[in-house]
Protein backbone atom coordinates (compact mmCIF):
# COMPACT_ATOMS: atom_id res chain seq x y z
CA MET A 1 23.46 0.94 13.82
CA ALA A 2 23.20 -2.81 13.24
CA ARG A 3 20.74 -3.80 10.55
CA SER A 4 18.74 -5.97 12.97
CA ALA A 5 18.32 -2.95 15.28
CA GLN A 6 16.97 -0.74 12.48
CA ALA A 7 13.30 0.04 12.24
CA ARG A 8 11.65 -2.32 9.76
CA TYR A 9 10.74 0.48 7.33
CA LEU A 10 14.40 1.54 7.21
CA GLN A 11 15.39 -2.03 6.34
CA VAL A 12 12.89 -1.99 3.46
CA ALA A 13 14.07 1.46 2.32
CA ASP A 14 17.71 0.30 2.48
CA ASP A 15 16.93 -2.77 0.40
CA LEU A 16 15.11 -0.71 -2.24
CA THR A 17 18.01 1.76 -2.25
CA SER A 18 20.40 -1.16 -2.81
CA GLN A 19 18.29 -2.26 -5.77
CA MET A 20 18.68 1.24 -7.22
CA THR A 21 22.43 1.23 -6.62
CA SER A 22 22.81 -2.22 -8.22
CA GLY A 23 20.82 -1.21 -11.31
CA LYS A 24 17.90 -3.52 -10.65
CA LEU A 25 15.74 -0.40 -10.30
CA LYS A 26 16.57 2.42 -12.72
CA VAL A 27 15.46 6.04 -13.08
CA GLY A 28 11.97 5.99 -14.57
CA ASP A 29 11.12 2.54 -13.21
CA ALA A 30 7.99 2.15 -11.11
CA LEU A 31 8.40 0.51 -7.72
CA PRO A 32 6.33 -2.62 -7.21
CA SER A 33 2.83 -1.94 -5.86
CA THR A 34 2.32 -1.48 -2.12
CA SER A 35 0.63 -4.88 -1.90
CA ALA A 36 3.47 -6.52 -3.82
CA LEU A 37 6.03 -4.92 -1.50
CA MET A 38 3.97 -6.02 1.52
CA GLY A 39 4.19 -9.61 0.29
CA LEU A 40 7.84 -9.38 -0.70
CA TYR A 41 8.96 -7.98 2.65
CA GLN A 42 6.25 -9.59 4.81
CA ALA A 43 5.50 -6.13 6.17
CA SER A 44 2.43 -4.03 6.91
CA SER A 45 1.19 -1.24 4.70
CA THR A 46 2.39 1.23 7.35
CA VAL A 47 5.94 -0.10 7.06
CA ILE A 48 5.85 0.04 3.25
CA ARG A 49 4.39 3.58 3.21
CA SER A 50 7.06 4.71 5.67
CA ALA A 51 9.81 3.14 3.54
CA ILE A 52 8.50 4.87 0.42
CA ARG A 53 8.21 8.15 2.32
CA GLU A 54 11.85 7.72 3.43
CA LEU A 55 12.92 7.24 -0.19
CA GLY A 56 10.87 10.28 -1.17
CA SER A 57 12.52 12.37 1.56
CA ALA A 58 15.89 11.34 0.15
CA GLY A 59 14.73 12.56 -3.28
CA LEU A 60 14.97 9.09 -4.82
CA VAL A 61 11.30 8.43 -5.66
CA GLU A 62 8.21 10.43 -6.49
CA GLY A 63 4.57 9.48 -6.31
CA GLN A 64 2.10 8.25 -3.72
CA PRO A 65 1.98 4.86 -1.98
CA GLY A 66 -1.14 3.17 -3.28
CA LYS A 67 -0.55 4.84 -6.65
CA ALA A 68 2.45 4.70 -8.94
CA VAL A 69 5.80 5.55 -7.34
CA TYR A 70 8.73 6.09 -9.69
CA VAL A 71 12.49 6.21 -9.24
CA ILE A 72 13.52 9.77 -10.10
CA ARG A 73 17.15 9.74 -8.96
CA LEU A 74 19.74 7.15 -8.03
CA PRO A 75 21.35 7.23 -4.59
CA GLU A 76 24.74 8.85 -4.15
CA GLU A 77 27.57 6.77 -2.77
CA SER A 78 28.08 9.30 0.02
CA THR A 79 25.47 11.75 1.24
CA GLY A 80 27.96 14.02 3.00
CA HIS A 81 25.59 14.32 5.97
CA THR A 82 27.00 14.42 9.49
CA PRO A 83 26.36 11.51 11.87
CA GLU A 84 24.21 13.82 14.00
CA TYR A 85 22.02 14.65 11.00
CA LEU A 86 21.64 10.97 10.14
CA ASP A 87 20.77 10.13 13.78
CA LEU A 88 18.11 12.87 13.83
CA LYS A 89 16.71 11.70 10.50
CA THR A 90 16.47 8.14 11.83
CA ALA A 91 14.78 9.32 15.04
CA LEU A 92 12.30 11.43 13.05
CA GLY A 93 11.53 8.46 10.83
CA LYS A 94 10.84 6.26 13.86
CA LEU A 95 8.59 8.92 15.35
CA THR A 96 6.72 9.28 12.06
CA SER A 97 6.21 5.52 11.94
CA VAL A 98 4.81 5.46 15.48
CA VAL A 99 2.43 8.34 14.72
CA GLU A 100 1.20 6.54 11.57
CA GLU A 101 0.62 3.31 13.50
CA LEU A 102 -1.30 5.19 16.21
CA THR A 103 -3.36 7.00 13.57
CA ASP A 104 -4.23 3.64 11.98
CA ARG A 105 -5.24 2.23 15.39
CA VAL A 106 -7.44 5.22 16.17
CA ALA A 107 -9.12 4.92 12.76
CA ARG A 108 -9.80 1.22 13.36
CA LEU A 109 -11.19 1.92 16.85
CA GLU A 110 -13.42 4.68 15.52
CA ALA A 111 -14.65 2.41 12.73
CA SER A 112 -15.44 -0.39 15.16
CA ASP A 113 -17.36 2.02 17.44
CA GLY A 114 -19.49 3.07 14.48
CA HIS A 115 -18.26 6.67 14.43
């Protein structure tokens, strides 16, 4: 999949993974805060949370967006996963992102209605 066609949160997750691979982020290091990542990547909090969740699913980071998130393992050069698995993981990530965005919209609508 071309990088420009990737979901934004996957682009952010890929960049953070590259920083781990290059040694810029090491095991034990805290990721920048959610707000710092939002500014760095010019992305919404939903995108940043989804990227961090993606890294957590890969077993690379541990913690909670909005609180400290630490690198716990460096990425492997090859995951050994089949292309079908990777396609399903990408599709699930996109679906998760859409659900989070809809949840945020509903919360904003409910707040504006005074509920």
